[in-house]
């Protein structure tokens, strides 16, 4: 049972924390200057979107659907914000 809990936490972690973390980090000033940070944030946001979409498709429960929506929406918003930052440079 411990390995099942670990597997579930590894699946849910990027959607639950990756998207919101990427969105929050896009508001920091060093993101505008550093391309490597932008790339890592895009990677984190895309991973969050993939896992969030996967949780939405599975339709396991209301909690899983809510986590999937959160990951998907925050991932899309962070990618849009990073693209806007790149265009302004």
PDB file of N, CA and C in Angstrom:
ATOM      1  N   UNK A   1       0.802  -1.187   0.000  1.00  0.00           N
ATOM      2  CA  UNK A   1       0.000   0.000   0.000  1.00  0.00           C
ATOM      3  C   UNK A   1       0.855   1.266   0.000  1.00  0.00           C
ATOM      4  N   UNK A   2       2.030   1.180   0.568  1.00  0.00           N
ATOM      5  CA  UNK A   2       2.883   2.358   0.590  1.00  0.00           C
ATOM      6  C   UNK A   2       3.354   2.724  -0.812  1.00  0.00           C
ATOM      7  N   UNK A   3       3.627   1.723  -1.628  1.00  0.00           N
ATOM      8  CA  UNK A   3       4.073   2.014  -2.988  1.00  0.00           C
ATOM      9  C   UNK A   3       2.939   2.605  -3.815  1.00  0.00           C
ATOM     10  N   UNK A   4       1.699   2.221  -3.545  1.00  0.00           N
ATOM     11  CA  UNK A   4       0.552   2.798  -4.241  1.00  0.00           C
ATOM     12  C   UNK A   4       0.382   4.264  -3.859  1.00  0.00           C
ATOM     13  N   UNK A   5       0.537   4.581  -2.596  1.00  0.00           N
ATOM     14  CA  UNK A   5       0.441   5.970  -2.155  1.00  0.00           C
ATOM     15  C   UNK A   5       1.563   6.810  -2.760  1.00  0.00           C
ATOM     16  N   UNK A   6       2.746   6.252  -2.850  1.00  0.00           N
ATOM     17  CA  UNK A   6       3.859   6.965  -3.470  1.00  0.00           C
ATOM     18  C   UNK A   6       3.598   7.210  -4.950  1.00  0.00           C
ATOM     19  N   UNK A   7       3.060   6.222  -5.643  1.00  0.00           N
ATOM     20  CA  UNK A   7       2.755   6.364  -7.061  1.00  0.00           C
ATOM     21  C   UNK A   7       1.697   7.433  -7.293  1.00  0.00           C
ATOM     22  N   UNK A   8       0.662   7.429  -6.482  1.00  0.00           N
ATOM     23  CA  UNK A   8      -0.396   8.438  -6.611  1.00  0.00           C
ATOM     24  C   UNK A   8       0.146   9.824  -6.322  1.00  0.00           C
ATOM     25  N   UNK A   9       0.989   9.958  -5.335  1.00  0.00           N
ATOM     26  CA  UNK A   9       1.542  11.279  -5.030  1.00  0.00           C
ATOM     27  C   UNK A   9       2.459  11.768  -6.151  1.00  0.00           C
ATOM     28  N   UNK A  10       3.179  10.866  -6.801  1.00  0.00           N
ATOM     29  CA  UNK A  10       4.020  11.265  -7.933  1.00  0.00           C
ATOM     30  C   UNK A  10       3.178  11.687  -9.140  1.00  0.00           C
ATOM     31  N   UNK A  11       2.005  11.098  -9.306  1.00  0.00           N
ATOM     32  CA  UNK A  11       1.131  11.469 -10.408  1.00  0.00           C
ATOM     33  C   UNK A  11       0.463  12.815 -10.143  1.00  0.00           C
ATOM     34  N   UNK A  12       0.021  13.040  -8.929  1.00  0.00           N
ATOM     35  CA  UNK A  12      -0.753  14.234  -8.600  1.00  0.00           C
ATOM     36  C   UNK A  12       0.141  15.451  -8.332  1.00  0.00           C
ATOM     37  N   UNK A  13       1.367  15.248  -7.915  1.00  0.00           N
ATOM     38  CA  UNK A  13       2.248  16.353  -7.524  1.00  0.00           C
ATOM     39  C   UNK A  13       2.448  17.413  -8.613  1.00  0.00           C
ATOM     40  N   UNK A  14       2.757  17.059  -9.869  1.00  0.00           N
ATOM     41  CA  UNK A  14       2.958  18.117 -10.872  1.00  0.00           C
ATOM     42  C   UNK A  14       1.715  18.953 -11.132  1.00  0.00           C
ATOM     43  N   UNK A  15       0.552  18.346 -11.134  1.00  0.00           N
ATOM     44  CA  UNK A  15      -0.666  19.107 -11.388  1.00  0.00           C
ATOM     45  C   UNK A  15      -1.043  19.971 -10.195  1.00  0.00           C
ATOM     46  N   UNK A  16      -0.818  19.455  -9.024  1.00  0.00           N
ATOM     47  CA  UNK A  16      -1.245  20.172  -7.828  1.00  0.00           C
ATOM     48  C   UNK A  16      -0.303  21.330  -7.480  1.00  0.00           C
ATOM     49  N   UNK A  17       0.979  21.142  -7.671  1.00  0.00           N
ATOM     50  CA  UNK A  17       1.938  22.162  -7.270  1.00  0.00           C
ATOM     51  C   UNK A  17       2.727  22.764  -8.432  1.00  0.00           C
ATOM     52  N   UNK A  18       2.888  22.029  -9.523  1.00  0.00           N
ATOM     53  CA  UNK A  18       3.714  22.511 -10.628  1.00  0.00           C
ATOM     54  C   UNK A  18       3.151  23.716 -11.337  1.00  0.00           C
ATOM     55  N   UNK A  19       1.879  23.661 -11.692  1.00  0.00           N
ATOM     56  CA  UNK A  19       1.249  24.784 -12.390  1.00  0.00           C
ATOM     57  C   UNK A  19       1.173  26.041 -11.539  1.00  0.00           C
ATOM     58  N   UNK A  20       0.628  25.947 -10.311  1.00  0.00           N
ATOM     59  CA  UNK A  20       0.604  27.149  -9.469  1.00  0.00           C
ATOM     60  C   UNK A  20       1.998  27.702  -9.154  1.00  0.00           C
ATOM     61  N   UNK A  21       2.972  26.820  -8.968  1.00  0.00           N
ATOM     62  CA  UNK A  21       4.338  27.284  -8.709  1.00  0.00           C
ATOM     63  C   UNK A  21       4.906  28.012  -9.925  1.00  0.00           C
ATOM     64  N   UNK A  22       4.669  27.474 -11.104  1.00  0.00           N
ATOM     65  CA  UNK A  22       5.147  28.131 -12.325  1.00  0.00           C
ATOM     66  C   UNK A  22       4.468  29.483 -12.511  1.00  0.00           C
ATOM     67  N   UNK A  23       3.186  29.559 -12.217  1.00  0.00           N
ATOM     68  CA  UNK A  23       2.469  30.825 -12.357  1.00  0.00           C
ATOM     69  C   UNK A  23       2.973  31.865 -11.358  1.00  0.00           C
ATOM     70  N   UNK A  24       3.206  31.462 -10.135  1.00  0.00           N
ATOM     71  CA  UNK A  24       3.713  32.399  -9.123  1.00  0.00           C
ATOM     72  C   UNK A  24       5.121  32.874  -9.485  1.00  0.00           C
ATOM     73  N   UNK A  25       5.961  31.967  -9.978  1.00  0.00           N
ATOM     74  CA  UNK A  25       7.335  32.350 -10.308  1.00  0.00           C
ATOM     75  C   UNK A  25       7.421  33.261 -11.527  1.00  0.00           C
ATOM     76  N   UNK A  26       6.387  33.297 -12.372  1.00  0.00           N
ATOM     77  CA  UNK A  26       6.433  34.204 -13.521  1.00  0.00           C
ATOM     78  C   UNK A  26       6.304  35.663 -13.101  1.00  0.00           C
ATOM     79  N   UNK A  27       5.836  35.925 -11.893  1.00  0.00           N
ATOM     80  CA  UNK A  27       5.706  37.293 -11.423  1.00  0.00           C
ATOM     81  C   UNK A  27       6.996  37.843 -10.807  1.00  0.00           C
ATOM     82  N   UNK A  28       8.007  37.016 -10.665  1.00  0.00           N
ATOM     83  CA  UNK A  28       9.276  37.475 -10.101  1.00  0.00           C
ATOM     84  C   UNK A  28      10.097  38.195 -11.170  1.00  0.00           C
ATOM     85  N   UNK A  29      10.861  39.211 -10.787  1.00  0.00           N
ATOM     86  CA  UNK A  29      11.565  40.024 -11.789  1.00  0.00           C
ATOM     87  C   UNK A  29      12.717  39.315 -12.501  1.00  0.00           C
ATOM     88  N   UNK A  30      13.342  38.307 -11.896  1.00  0.00           N
ATOM     89  CA  UNK A  30      14.486  37.684 -12.558  1.00  0.00           C
ATOM     90  C   UNK A  30      14.063  36.818 -13.743  1.00  0.00           C
ATOM     91  N   UNK A  31      12.788  36.491 -13.856  1.00  0.00           N
ATOM     92  CA  UNK A  31      12.312  35.670 -14.967  1.00  0.00           C
ATOM     93  C   UNK A  31      12.418  36.445 -16.281  1.00  0.00           C
ATOM     94  N   UNK A  32      12.291  37.755 -16.223  1.00  0.00           N
ATOM     95  CA  UNK A  32      12.354  38.575 -17.430  1.00  0.00           C
ATOM     96  C   UNK A  32      13.743  38.568 -18.061  1.00  0.00           C
ATOM     97  N   UNK A  33      14.770  38.372 -17.262  1.00  0.00           N
ATOM     98  CA  UNK A  33      16.135  38.441 -17.771  1.00  0.00           C
ATOM     99  C   UNK A  33      16.741  37.084 -18.092  1.00  0.00           C
ATOM    100  N   UNK A  34      16.250  36.034 -17.504  1.00  0.00           N
ATOM    101  CA  UNK A  34      16.914  34.749 -17.577  1.00  0.00           C
ATOM    102  C   UNK A  34      16.132  33.779 -18.465  1.00  0.00           C
ATOM    103  N   UNK A  35      16.732  33.390 -19.599  1.00  0.00           N
ATOM    104  CA  UNK A  35      16.067  32.472 -20.530  1.00  0.00           C
ATOM    105  C   UNK A  35      16.019  31.044 -20.002  1.00  0.00           C
ATOM    106  N   UNK A  36      17.014  30.644 -19.230  1.00  0.00           N
ATOM    107  CA  UNK A  36      17.031  29.293 -18.671  1.00  0.00           C
ATOM    108  C   UNK A  36      15.884  29.121 -17.684  1.00  0.00           C
ATOM    109  N   UNK A  37      15.632  30.134 -16.865  1.00  0.00           N
ATOM    110  CA  UNK A  37      14.515  30.082 -15.933  1.00  0.00           C
ATOM    111  C   UNK A  37      13.193  30.012 -16.675  1.00  0.00           C
ATOM    112  N   UNK A  38      13.074  30.767 -17.759  1.00  0.00           N
ATOM    113  CA  UNK A  38      11.856  30.713 -18.558  1.00  0.00           C
ATOM    114  C   UNK A  38      11.643  29.319 -19.134  1.00  0.00           C
ATOM    115  N   UNK A  39      12.708  28.702 -19.611  1.00  0.00           N
ATOM    116  CA  UNK A  39      12.598  27.354 -20.154  1.00  0.00           C
ATOM    117  C   UNK A  39      12.157  26.361 -19.089  1.00  0.00           C
ATOM    118  N   UNK A  40      12.735  26.443 -17.895  1.00  0.00           N
ATOM    119  CA  UNK A  40      12.361  25.528 -16.816  1.00  0.00           C
ATOM    120  C   UNK A  40      10.915  25.741 -16.376  1.00  0.00           C
ATOM    121  N   UNK A  41      10.468  26.992 -16.367  1.00  0.00           N
ATOM    122  CA  UNK A  41       9.084  27.262 -16.001  1.00  0.00           C
ATOM    123  C   UNK A  41       8.118  26.752 -17.068  1.00  0.00           C
ATOM    124  N   UNK A  42       8.496  26.860 -18.332  1.00  0.00           N
ATOM    125  CA  UNK A  42       7.656  26.312 -19.402  1.00  0.00           C
ATOM    126  C   UNK A  42       7.591  24.790 -19.272  1.00  0.00           C
ATOM    127  N   UNK A  43       8.713  24.164 -18.981  1.00  0.00           N
ATOM    128  CA  UNK A  43       8.734  22.710 -18.777  1.00  0.00           C
ATOM    129  C   UNK A  43       7.813  22.305 -17.628  1.00  0.00           C
ATOM    130  N   UNK A  44       7.877  23.026 -16.522  1.00  0.00           N
ATOM    131  CA  UNK A  44       7.037  22.730 -15.368  1.00  0.00           C
ATOM    132  C   UNK A  44       5.563  22.950 -15.694  1.00  0.00           C
ATOM    133  N   UNK A  45       5.265  24.010 -16.441  1.00  0.00           N
ATOM    134  CA  UNK A  45       3.878  24.304 -16.796  1.00  0.00           C
ATOM    135  C   UNK A  45       3.321  23.266 -17.765  1.00  0.00           C
ATOM    136  N   UNK A  46       4.123  22.845 -18.727  1.00  0.00           N
ATOM    137  CA  UNK A  46       3.650  21.840 -19.690  1.00  0.00           C
ATOM    138  C   UNK A  46       3.444  20.496 -18.996  1.00  0.00           C
ATOM    139  N   UNK A  47       4.323  20.151 -18.089  1.00  0.00           N
ATOM    140  CA  UNK A  47       4.144  18.923 -17.310  1.00  0.00           C
ATOM    141  C   UNK A  47       2.853  19.000 -16.495  1.00  0.00           C
ATOM    142  N   UNK A  48       2.579  20.151 -15.924  1.00  0.00           N
ATOM    143  CA  UNK A  48       1.352  20.338 -15.163  1.00  0.00           C
ATOM    144  C   UNK A  48       0.123  20.235 -16.061  1.00  0.00           C
ATOM    145  N   UNK A  49       0.211  20.778 -17.271  1.00  0.00           N
ATOM    146  CA  UNK A  49      -0.920  20.689 -18.196  1.00  0.00           C
ATOM    147  C   UNK A  49      -1.176  19.246 -18.627  1.00  0.00           C
ATOM    148  N   UNK A  50      -0.114  18.500 -18.877  1.00  0.00           N
ATOM    149  CA  UNK A  50      -0.273  17.106 -19.295  1.00  0.00           C
ATOM    150  C   UNK A  50      -0.909  16.275 -18.186  1.00  0.00           C
ATOM    151  N   UNK A  51      -0.385  16.398 -16.973  1.00  0.00           N
ATOM    152  CA  UNK A  51      -0.922  15.622 -15.853  1.00  0.00           C
ATOM    153  C   UNK A  51      -2.335  16.083 -15.507  1.00  0.00           C
ATOM    154  N   UNK A  52      -2.590  17.400 -15.578  1.00  0.00           N
ATOM    155  CA  UNK A  52      -3.937  17.908 -15.317  1.00  0.00           C
ATOM    156  C   UNK A  52      -4.940  17.402 -16.341  1.00  0.00           C
ATOM    157  N   UNK A  53      -4.556  17.394 -17.609  1.00  0.00           N
ATOM    158  CA  UNK A  53      -5.433  16.845 -18.639  1.00  0.00           C
ATOM    159  C   UNK A  53      -5.673  15.366 -18.450  1.00  0.00           C
ATOM    160  N   UNK A  54      -4.652  14.647 -18.034  1.00  0.00           N
ATOM    161  CA  UNK A  54      -4.781  13.215 -17.771  1.00  0.00           C
ATOM    162  C   UNK A  54      -5.765  12.968 -16.630  1.00  0.00           C
ATOM    163  N   UNK A  55      -5.686  13.781 -15.581  1.00  0.00           N
ATOM    164  CA  UNK A  55      -6.613  13.625 -14.467  1.00  0.00           C
ATOM    165  C   UNK A  55      -8.035  13.984 -14.879  1.00  0.00           C
ATOM    166  N   UNK A  56      -8.188  14.937 -15.779  1.00  0.00           N
ATOM    167  CA  UNK A  56      -9.525  15.267 -16.270  1.00  0.00           C
ATOM    168  C   UNK A  56     -10.111  14.149 -17.121  1.00  0.00           C
ATOM    169  N   UNK A  57      -9.287  13.543 -17.954  1.00  0.00           N
ATOM    170  CA  UNK A  57      -9.759  12.462 -18.812  1.00  0.00           C
ATOM    171  C   UNK A  57     -10.155  11.237 -17.991  1.00  0.00           C
ATOM    172  N   UNK A  58      -9.388  10.943 -16.931  1.00  0.00           N
ATOM    173  CA  UNK A  58      -9.685   9.769 -16.104  1.00  0.00           C
ATOM    174  C   UNK A  58     -11.021   9.873 -15.386  1.00  0.00           C
ATOM    175  N   UNK A  59     -11.373  11.090 -14.963  1.00  0.00           N
ATOM    176  CA  UNK A  59     -12.633  11.322 -14.264  1.00  0.00           C
ATOM    177  C   UNK A  59     -12.775  10.388 -13.064  1.00  0.00           C
ATOM    178  N   UNK A  60     -11.786  10.409 -12.175  1.00  0.00           N
ATOM    179  CA  UNK A  60     -11.779   9.497 -11.036  1.00  0.00           C
ATOM    180  C   UNK A  60     -12.694   9.961  -9.911  1.00  0.00           C
ATOM    181  N   UNK A  61     -12.636  11.232  -9.561  1.00  0.00           N
ATOM    182  CA  UNK A  61     -13.477  11.763  -8.491  1.00  0.00           C
ATOM    183  C   UNK A  61     -13.534  13.280  -8.636  1.00  0.00           C
ATOM    184  N   UNK A  62     -14.288  13.908  -7.778  1.00  0.00           N
ATOM    185  CA  UNK A  62     -14.368  15.372  -7.825  1.00  0.00           C
ATOM    186  C   UNK A  62     -13.047  16.007  -7.436  1.00  0.00           C
ATOM    187  N   UNK A  63     -12.380  15.427  -6.476  1.00  0.00           N
ATOM    188  CA  UNK A  63     -11.078  15.962  -6.061  1.00  0.00           C
ATOM    189  C   UNK A  63     -10.043  15.852  -7.159  1.00  0.00           C
ATOM    190  N   UNK A  64     -10.007  14.719  -7.835  1.00  0.00           N
ATOM    191  CA  UNK A  64      -9.077  14.543  -8.947  1.00  0.00           C
ATOM    192  C   UNK A  64      -9.387  15.483 -10.098  1.00  0.00           C
ATOM    193  N   UNK A  65     -10.684  15.689 -10.365  1.00  0.00           N
ATOM    194  CA  UNK A  65     -11.087  16.622 -11.408  1.00  0.00           C
ATOM    195  C   UNK A  65     -10.694  18.047 -11.043  1.00  0.00           C
ATOM    196  N   UNK A  66     -10.874  18.431  -9.784  1.00  0.00           N
ATOM    197  CA  UNK A  66     -10.507  19.761  -9.335  1.00  0.00           C
ATOM    198  C   UNK A  66      -8.997  19.988  -9.423  1.00  0.00           C
ATOM    199  N   UNK A  67      -8.224  19.007  -9.041  1.00  0.00           N
ATOM    200  CA  UNK A  67      -6.766  19.100  -9.154  1.00  0.00           C
ATOM    201  C   UNK A  67      -6.364  19.181 -10.629  1.00  0.00           C
ATOM    202  N   UNK A  68      -7.008  18.415 -11.475  1.00  0.00           N
ATOM    203  CA  UNK A  68      -6.718  18.461 -12.900  1.00  0.00           C
ATOM    204  C   UNK A  68      -7.031  19.810 -13.513  1.00  0.00           C
ATOM    205  N   UNK A  69      -8.169  20.395 -13.149  1.00  0.00           N
ATOM    206  CA  UNK A  69      -8.536  21.717 -13.657  1.00  0.00           C
ATOM    207  C   UNK A  69      -7.542  22.763 -13.174  1.00  0.00           C
ATOM    208  N   UNK A  70      -7.160  22.676 -11.902  1.00  0.00           N
ATOM    209  CA  UNK A  70      -6.188  23.627 -11.345  1.00  0.00           C
ATOM    210  C   UNK A  70      -4.851  23.545 -12.081  1.00  0.00           C
ATOM    211  N   UNK A  71      -4.359  22.344 -12.283  1.00  0.00           N
ATOM    212  CA  UNK A  71      -3.088  22.174 -12.984  1.00  0.00           C
ATOM    213  C   UNK A  71      -3.156  22.647 -14.422  1.00  0.00           C
ATOM    214  N   UNK A  72      -4.247  22.337 -15.099  1.00  0.00           N
ATOM    215  CA  UNK A  72      -4.395  22.713 -16.499  1.00  0.00           C
ATOM    216  C   UNK A  72      -4.511  24.222 -16.665  1.00  0.00           C
ATOM    217  N   UNK A  73      -5.346  24.851 -15.864  1.00  0.00           N
ATOM    218  CA  UNK A  73      -5.559  26.301 -15.987  1.00  0.00           C
ATOM    219  C   UNK A  73      -4.306  27.083 -15.603  1.00  0.00           C
ATOM    220  N   UNK A  74      -3.678  26.733 -14.488  1.00  0.00           N
ATOM    221  CA  UNK A  74      -2.487  27.474 -14.082  1.00  0.00           C
ATOM    222  C   UNK A  74      -1.314  27.223 -15.030  1.00  0.00           C
ATOM    223  N   UNK A  75      -1.237  26.041 -15.604  1.00  0.00           N
ATOM    224  CA  UNK A  75      -0.194  25.771 -16.597  1.00  0.00           C
ATOM    225  C   UNK A  75      -0.376  26.610 -17.842  1.00  0.00           C
ATOM    226  N   UNK A  76      -1.611  26.701 -18.330  1.00  0.00           N
ATOM    227  CA  UNK A  76      -1.885  27.515 -19.517  1.00  0.00           C
ATOM    228  C   UNK A  76      -1.605  28.987 -19.229  1.00  0.00           C
ATOM    229  N   UNK A  77      -2.036  29.477 -18.070  1.00  0.00           N
ATOM    230  CA  UNK A  77      -1.805  30.882 -17.726  1.00  0.00           C
ATOM    231  C   UNK A  77      -0.316  31.207 -17.603  1.00  0.00           C
ATOM    232  N   UNK A  78       0.459  30.295 -17.048  1.00  0.00           N
ATOM    233  CA  UNK A  78       1.893  30.574 -16.903  1.00  0.00           C
ATOM    234  C   UNK A  78       2.605  30.549 -18.257  1.00  0.00           C
ATOM    235  N   UNK A  79       2.203  29.639 -19.150  1.00  0.00           N
ATOM    236  CA  UNK A  79       2.809  29.637 -20.488  1.00  0.00           C
ATOM    237  C   UNK A  79       2.444  30.919 -21.236  1.00  0.00           C
ATOM    238  N   UNK A  80       1.197  31.359 -21.115  1.00  0.00           N
ATOM    239  CA  UNK A  80       0.792  32.607 -21.763  1.00  0.00           C
ATOM    240  C   UNK A  80       1.571  33.792 -21.208  1.00  0.00           C
ATOM    241  N   UNK A  81       1.781  33.806 -19.905  1.00  0.00           N
ATOM    242  CA  UNK A  81       2.527  34.915 -19.292  1.00  0.00           C
ATOM    243  C   UNK A  81       3.994  34.906 -19.725  1.00  0.00           C
ATOM    244  N   UNK A  82       4.605  33.736 -19.824  1.00  0.00           N
ATOM    245  CA  UNK A  82       6.000  33.673 -20.244  1.00  0.00           C
ATOM    246  C   UNK A  82       6.134  34.085 -21.720  1.00  0.00           C
ATOM    247  N   UNK A  83       5.175  33.708 -22.540  1.00  0.00           N
ATOM    248  CA  UNK A  83       5.211  34.140 -23.952  1.00  0.00           C
ATOM    249  C   UNK A  83       5.078  35.651 -24.044  1.00  0.00           C
ATOM    250  N   UNK A  84       4.246  36.241 -23.206  1.00  0.00           N
ATOM    251  CA  UNK A  84       4.093  37.697 -23.194  1.00  0.00           C
ATOM    252  C   UNK A  84       5.397  38.374 -22.751  1.00  0.00           C
ATOM    253  N   UNK A  85       6.092  37.768 -21.789  1.00  0.00           N
ATOM    254  CA  UNK A  85       7.365  38.323 -21.324  1.00  0.00           C
ATOM    255  C   UNK A  85       8.394  38.240 -22.457  1.00  0.00           C
ATOM    256  N   UNK A  86       8.418  37.136 -23.183  1.00  0.00           N
ATOM    257  CA  UNK A  86       9.394  36.983 -24.288  1.00  0.00           C
ATOM    258  C   UNK A  86       9.129  37.979 -25.408  1.00  0.00           C
ATOM    259  N   UNK A  87       7.875  38.276 -25.693  1.00  0.00           N
ATOM    260  CA  UNK A  87       7.567  39.233 -26.748  1.00  0.00           C
ATOM    261  C   UNK A  87       7.977  40.644 -26.373  1.00  0.00           C
ATOM    262  N   UNK A  88       7.933  40.965 -25.090  1.00  0.00           N
ATOM    263  CA  UNK A  88       8.282  42.317 -24.650  1.00  0.00           C
ATOM    264  C   UNK A  88       9.775  42.567 -24.598  1.00  0.00           C
ATOM    265  N   UNK A  89      10.577  41.498 -24.655  1.00  0.00           N
ATOM    266  CA  UNK A  89      12.039  41.660 -24.591  1.00  0.00           C
ATOM    267  C   UNK A  89      12.590  42.069 -25.902  1.00  0.00           C
TER     268      UNK A  89
END
